Amino acid sequence: MKRFALLSLALACVAGLFAAAAVQPAQAEGTPYHFGFKKSRNGQLPSIDQEGFKSVLEQNQAIFLGDTSKKVLYLTFDNGYENGYTAKILDVLKEKNVPAAFFVTGHYVKTQGDLLKRMVAEGHTIGNHSWSHPDMTRLSEEQLKNELDRVKEEVTKLTGQQEMRWMRPPRGIFDDRSLSLSRKFGYTAVFWSIAYKDWDTRSQKGWKFAYDSVISQLHPGAIILLHSVSKDNAEAIGRIIDDARKQGYEFVGLDQLPAARQ
């Protein structure tokens, strides 16, 4: 009788463990993620397989890689505020005939109208980085829509750019709901597959560090994220473009992404 009681208790414990596993997934629905990836080395593709959010990106048709069948690169910048280097970057892009996408915030829109006009006039794309750079996973549907609508409306007024289909989640924070809502409002989320810590203006390390940080990660279909507040980036961008081209890479706009043709 005692043996039967112990066996019953053991079976109940096992059943409880299986039940707990069934009702507690590895990542609870709605839990925010912070975008990250395993960096490319020696031209190999980067990976998000171990990050826990791959299926969330796929379900919402979000992008962190472009066309990996070709040696193409997509150059993107995040512009939260101006630090005096964007004009120089635009000069280099114009000289070298390279298209780029600039993801802008409300602060940038309010304070840098002339630079925005120049971006569009010179053939670049302006993307949406939200009005106030919030954690979008904490917003209501109405608040999230307002964050995106205000940027688009003001950019259209300033520049005449009618379409805005690309967005980048502020702070790299997202969840299934925020990506799904962004898609509902007409946006495709664009993450990145090359980046380094370039946003800290108090810790610039020279153009060579910026150059090495990007060149060492090059791979087919790379979406490069840079911040235009970086002095190092402004000084390195010309060399990055030249040496990437020497390696056989071509710079193309986001309109050449496979998602843009769907």
Protein backbone atom coordinates (compact mmCIF):
# COMPACT_ATOMS: atom_id res chain seq x y z
CA MET A 1 0.00 0.00 0.00
CA LYS A 2 2.85 2.33 0.91
CA ARG A 3 4.62 1.51 -2.39
CA PHE A 4 1.40 2.28 -4.32
CA ALA A 5 1.04 5.62 -2.55
CA LEU A 6 4.62 6.61 -3.40
CA LEU A 7 4.12 5.58 -7.03
CA SER A 8 0.92 7.64 -7.22
CA LEU A 9 2.72 10.66 -5.78
CA ALA A 10 5.57 10.30 -8.26
CA LEU A 11 3.16 10.07 -11.19
CA ALA A 12 1.29 13.13 -9.95
CA CYS A 13 4.55 15.11 -9.78
CA VAL A 14 5.52 14.11 -13.33
CA ALA A 15 2.05 15.00 -14.58
CA GLY A 16 2.34 18.36 -12.86
CA LEU A 17 5.66 19.08 -14.54
CA PHE A 18 4.25 18.28 -17.96
CA ALA A 19 1.21 20.45 -17.27
CA ALA A 20 3.40 23.35 -16.19
CA ALA A 21 5.50 23.00 -19.32
CA ALA A 22 2.38 23.02 -21.44
CA VAL A 23 1.02 26.26 -20.00
CA GLN A 24 4.35 28.13 -19.66
CA PRO A 25 6.04 28.64 -23.04
CA ALA A 26 9.71 29.54 -23.21
CA GLN A 27 8.80 33.16 -24.02
CA ALA A 28 5.48 34.50 -22.82
CA GLU A 29 3.29 36.13 -25.43
CA GLY A 30 3.78 39.90 -25.48
CA THR A 31 7.15 39.79 -23.76
CA PRO A 32 9.44 42.47 -25.23
CA TYR A 33 12.59 41.50 -27.08
CA HIS A 34 15.70 43.59 -27.61
CA PHE A 35 17.09 42.96 -31.09
CA GLY A 36 20.46 41.28 -31.25
CA PHE A 37 22.27 38.81 -33.48
CA LYS A 38 25.37 36.68 -33.87
CA LYS A 39 27.74 38.80 -35.93
CA SER A 40 29.11 37.85 -39.31
CA ARG A 41 32.72 36.83 -39.61
CA ASN A 42 34.65 36.07 -42.79
CA GLY A 43 31.66 36.80 -44.97
CA GLN A 44 29.41 34.24 -43.28
CA LEU A 45 25.80 35.23 -42.70
CA PRO A 46 24.88 36.50 -39.24
CA SER A 47 22.28 34.58 -37.27
CA ILE A 48 19.30 35.23 -35.03
CA ASP A 49 18.58 31.53 -34.53
CA GLN A 50 19.55 31.62 -30.85
CA GLU A 51 17.89 34.91 -29.96
CA GLY A 52 14.40 33.56 -29.29
CA PHE A 53 12.49 35.92 -31.60
CA LYS A 54 13.13 34.56 -35.09
CA SER A 55 9.55 33.32 -35.48
CA VAL A 56 8.20 36.72 -34.36
CA LEU A 57 10.11 38.48 -37.14
CA GLU A 58 9.04 35.89 -39.70
CA GLN A 59 5.37 36.04 -38.72
CA ASN A 60 5.39 39.82 -39.13
CA GLN A 61 7.57 39.84 -42.26
CA ALA A 62 10.16 41.97 -40.47
CA ILE A 63 13.62 42.15 -42.02
CA PHE A 64 17.16 41.98 -40.73
CA LEU A 65 18.78 40.68 -43.92
CA GLY A 66 18.37 41.67 -47.56
CA ASP A 67 19.04 39.57 -50.64
CA THR A 68 21.75 37.17 -49.47
CA SER A 69 22.13 35.63 -52.93
CA LYS A 70 23.94 38.75 -54.14
CA LYS A 71 26.82 40.87 -52.89
CA VAL A 72 24.56 43.82 -52.13
CA LEU A 73 24.61 46.16 -49.15
CA TYR A 74 21.83 48.36 -47.78
CA LEU A 75 23.13 51.43 -45.96
CA THR A 76 20.89 52.85 -43.23
CA PHE A 77 21.26 55.56 -40.61
CA ASP A 78 19.32 56.27 -37.43
CA ASN A 79 18.82 60.01 -36.92
CA GLY A 80 17.46 60.90 -33.50
CA TYR A 81 19.17 64.28 -33.31
CA GLU A 82 21.74 66.24 -35.28
CA ASN A 83 25.35 66.41 -34.17
CA GLY A 84 26.83 68.24 -37.13
CA TYR A 85 27.89 65.29 -39.30
CA THR A 86 24.92 64.42 -41.50
CA ALA A 87 25.73 67.03 -44.14
CA LYS A 88 29.23 65.60 -44.49
CA ILE A 89 27.81 62.09 -44.80
CA LEU A 90 25.40 63.30 -47.49
CA ASP A 91 28.32 64.91 -49.34
CA VAL A 92 30.13 61.55 -49.44
CA LEU A 93 27.03 59.64 -50.51
CA LYS A 94 26.44 62.11 -53.33
CA GLU A 95 30.05 61.99 -54.47
CA LYS A 96 30.05 58.19 -54.53
CA ASN A 97 26.48 57.79 -55.82
CA VAL A 98 25.32 55.63 -52.91
CA PRO A 99 21.66 55.50 -51.82
CA ALA A 100 20.83 55.33 -48.13
CA ALA A 101 17.85 55.25 -45.81
CA PHE A 102 17.57 57.63 -42.86
CA PHE A 103 15.26 56.59 -40.02
CA VAL A 104 14.18 59.79 -38.28
CA THR A 105 12.42 60.76 -35.07
CA GLY A 106 10.05 63.62 -34.36
CA HIS A 107 12.84 65.69 -32.83
CA TYR A 108 14.86 65.36 -36.02
CA VAL A 109 11.85 66.24 -38.15
CA LYS A 110 11.13 69.36 -36.08
CA THR A 111 14.70 70.65 -36.09
CA GLN A 112 16.35 69.49 -39.34
CA GLY A 113 13.95 70.32 -42.14
CA ASP A 114 16.70 71.40 -44.54
CA LEU A 115 18.61 68.16 -44.13
CA LEU A 116 15.44 66.13 -44.66
CA LYS A 117 14.71 68.04 -47.85
CA ARG A 118 18.24 67.40 -49.04
CA MET A 119 17.96 63.66 -48.31
CA VAL A 120 14.89 63.34 -50.49
CA ALA A 121 16.20 65.66 -53.21
CA GLU A 122 19.35 63.54 -53.51
CA GLY A 123 17.45 60.28 -53.85
CA HIS A 124 17.58 58.87 -50.35
CA THR A 125 14.73 57.26 -48.42
CA ILE A 126 13.36 58.58 -45.14
CA GLY A 127 12.09 55.89 -42.81
CA ASN A 128 10.08 56.06 -39.60
CA HIS A 129 11.82 55.83 -36.24
CA SER A 130 8.76 57.07 -34.29
CA TRP A 131 7.92 60.54 -33.05
CA SER A 132 9.23 60.37 -29.47
CA HIS A 133 11.45 57.24 -29.51
CA PRO A 134 9.40 55.28 -26.96
CA ASP A 135 9.34 51.61 -26.07
CA MET A 136 6.59 50.73 -28.54
CA THR A 137 5.68 47.54 -26.69
CA ARG A 138 4.22 49.72 -23.93
CA LEU A 139 1.95 51.77 -26.18
CA SER A 140 -1.73 51.33 -26.91
CA GLU A 141 -2.73 50.77 -30.52
CA GLU A 142 -3.83 54.40 -30.80
CA GLN A 143 -0.58 55.70 -29.29
CA LEU A 144 1.55 53.55 -31.59
CA LYS A 145 -0.37 54.70 -34.65
CA ASN A 146 0.05 58.32 -33.59
CA GLU A 147 3.82 57.86 -33.14
CA LEU A 148 4.13 56.65 -36.74
CA ASP A 149 1.53 58.94 -38.31
CA ARG A 150 3.09 62.15 -36.98
CA VAL A 151 6.49 61.36 -38.50
CA LYS A 152 5.02 60.44 -41.87
CA GLU A 153 2.74 63.47 -42.04
CA GLU A 154 5.46 65.95 -41.11
CA VAL A 155 8.01 64.41 -43.47
CA THR A 156 5.49 64.59 -46.31
CA LYS A 157 4.80 68.27 -45.55
CA LEU A 158 8.49 69.11 -45.47
CA THR A 159 9.83 67.03 -48.34
CA GLY A 160 6.97 65.87 -50.51
CA GLN A 161 7.91 62.22 -49.94
CA GLN A 162 4.52 60.56 -50.17
CA GLU A 163 5.33 56.98 -49.29
CA MET A 164 6.80 55.77 -46.02
CA ARG A 165 6.76 52.01 -45.74
CA TRP A 166 9.87 51.25 -43.67
CA MET A 167 10.11 51.63 -39.92
CA ARG A 168 12.72 50.80 -37.31
CA PRO A 169 11.56 50.10 -33.76
CA PRO A 170 13.01 52.65 -31.33
CA ARG A 171 15.74 51.26 -29.08
CA GLY A 172 15.52 47.97 -30.98
CA ILE A 173 12.72 46.89 -28.61
CA PHE A 174 9.73 45.05 -30.02
CA ASP A 175 7.23 42.27 -29.50
CA ASP A 176 4.79 40.41 -31.69
CA ARG A 177 2.01 42.92 -31.05
CA SER A 178 4.01 46.05 -31.86
CA LEU A 179 5.34 44.53 -35.10
CA SER A 180 1.87 43.30 -36.04
CA LEU A 181 0.34 46.74 -35.44
CA SER A 182 3.11 48.45 -37.39
CA ARG A 183 2.39 46.14 -40.29
CA LYS A 184 -1.33 46.87 -39.96
CA PHE A 185 -0.48 50.57 -40.39
CA GLY A 186 1.46 49.86 -43.58
CA TYR A 187 5.03 49.44 -42.34
CA THR A 188 7.68 46.77 -42.68
CA ALA A 189 10.09 46.70 -39.73
CA VAL A 190 13.73 46.93 -40.81
CA PHE A 191 16.32 45.75 -38.31
CA TRP A 192 20.00 45.28 -39.20
CA SER A 193 22.76 42.71 -39.64
CA ILE A 194 25.81 44.97 -39.24
CA ALA A 195 26.20 47.41 -36.35
CA TYR A 196 28.60 48.45 -33.65
CA LYS A 197 28.50 50.78 -30.65
CA ASP A 198 28.74 54.06 -32.53
CA TRP A 199 26.00 56.11 -30.86
CA ASP A 200 27.98 57.15 -27.78
CA THR A 201 29.44 60.52 -28.76
CA ARG A 202 31.59 60.52 -25.61
CA SER A 203 33.37 57.37 -26.72
CA GLN A 204 34.50 57.91 -30.29
CA LYS A 205 37.58 55.87 -31.17
CA GLY A 206 38.67 57.22 -34.53
CA TRP A 207 37.74 56.53 -38.15
CA LYS A 208 39.82 53.34 -38.29
CA PHE A 209 37.80 51.74 -35.52
CA ALA A 210 34.55 52.58 -37.34
CA TYR A 211 35.98 51.30 -40.63
CA ASP A 212 37.21 48.01 -39.12
CA SER A 213 33.94 47.48 -37.22
CA VAL A 214 31.93 47.61 -40.45
CA ILE A 215 34.31 46.02 -42.93
CA SER A 216 34.95 43.02 -40.68
CA GLN A 217 31.24 42.20 -40.69
CA LEU A 218 30.50 42.52 -44.42
CA HIS A 219 28.36 39.78 -45.91
CA PRO A 220 25.93 39.41 -48.81
CA GLY A 221 22.60 41.13 -48.21
CA ALA A 222 23.82 43.10 -45.21
CA ILE A 223 21.65 45.85 -43.77
CA ILE A 224 24.16 48.25 -42.23
CA LEU A 225 23.06 50.37 -39.27
CA LEU A 226 25.09 53.50 -38.51
CA HIS A 227 24.31 56.56 -36.41
CA SER A 228 24.93 59.93 -38.01
CA VAL A 229 25.85 61.51 -34.67
CA SER A 230 29.18 59.69 -34.87
CA LYS A 231 32.23 61.69 -35.95
CA ASP A 232 34.00 58.40 -36.63
CA ASN A 233 31.30 57.31 -39.05
CA ALA A 234 31.43 60.60 -40.93
CA GLU A 235 35.18 60.23 -41.37
CA ALA A 236 35.08 56.53 -42.25
CA ILE A 237 32.08 56.27 -44.56
CA GLY A 238 33.96 57.11 -47.76
CA ARG A 239 36.62 54.49 -47.08
CA ILE A 240 33.96 51.92 -46.14
CA ILE A 241 32.18 52.47 -49.44
CA ASP A 242 35.37 52.33 -51.50
CA ASP A 243 36.72 49.16 -49.90
CA ALA A 244 33.35 47.37 -49.89
CA ARG A 245 33.18 48.01 -53.63
CA LYS A 246 36.71 46.67 -54.03
CA GLN A 247 35.43 43.45 -52.45
CA GLY A 248 32.73 43.26 -55.11
CA TYR A 249 29.81 44.68 -53.14
CA GLU A 250 27.17 47.01 -54.56
CA PHE A 251 25.20 49.53 -52.50
CA VAL A 252 21.46 49.51 -53.21
CA GLY A 253 18.39 51.18 -51.71
CA LEU A 254 15.73 49.59 -49.55
CA ASP A 255 13.49 49.60 -52.62
CA GLN A 256 15.67 46.72 -53.82
CA LEU A 257 14.85 44.55 -50.81
CA PRO A 258 12.99 41.36 -51.70
CA ALA A 259 10.16 42.59 -49.45
CA ALA A 260 9.78 45.70 -51.59
CA ARG A 261 8.85 43.56 -54.58
CA GLN A 262 6.13 41.62 -52.76
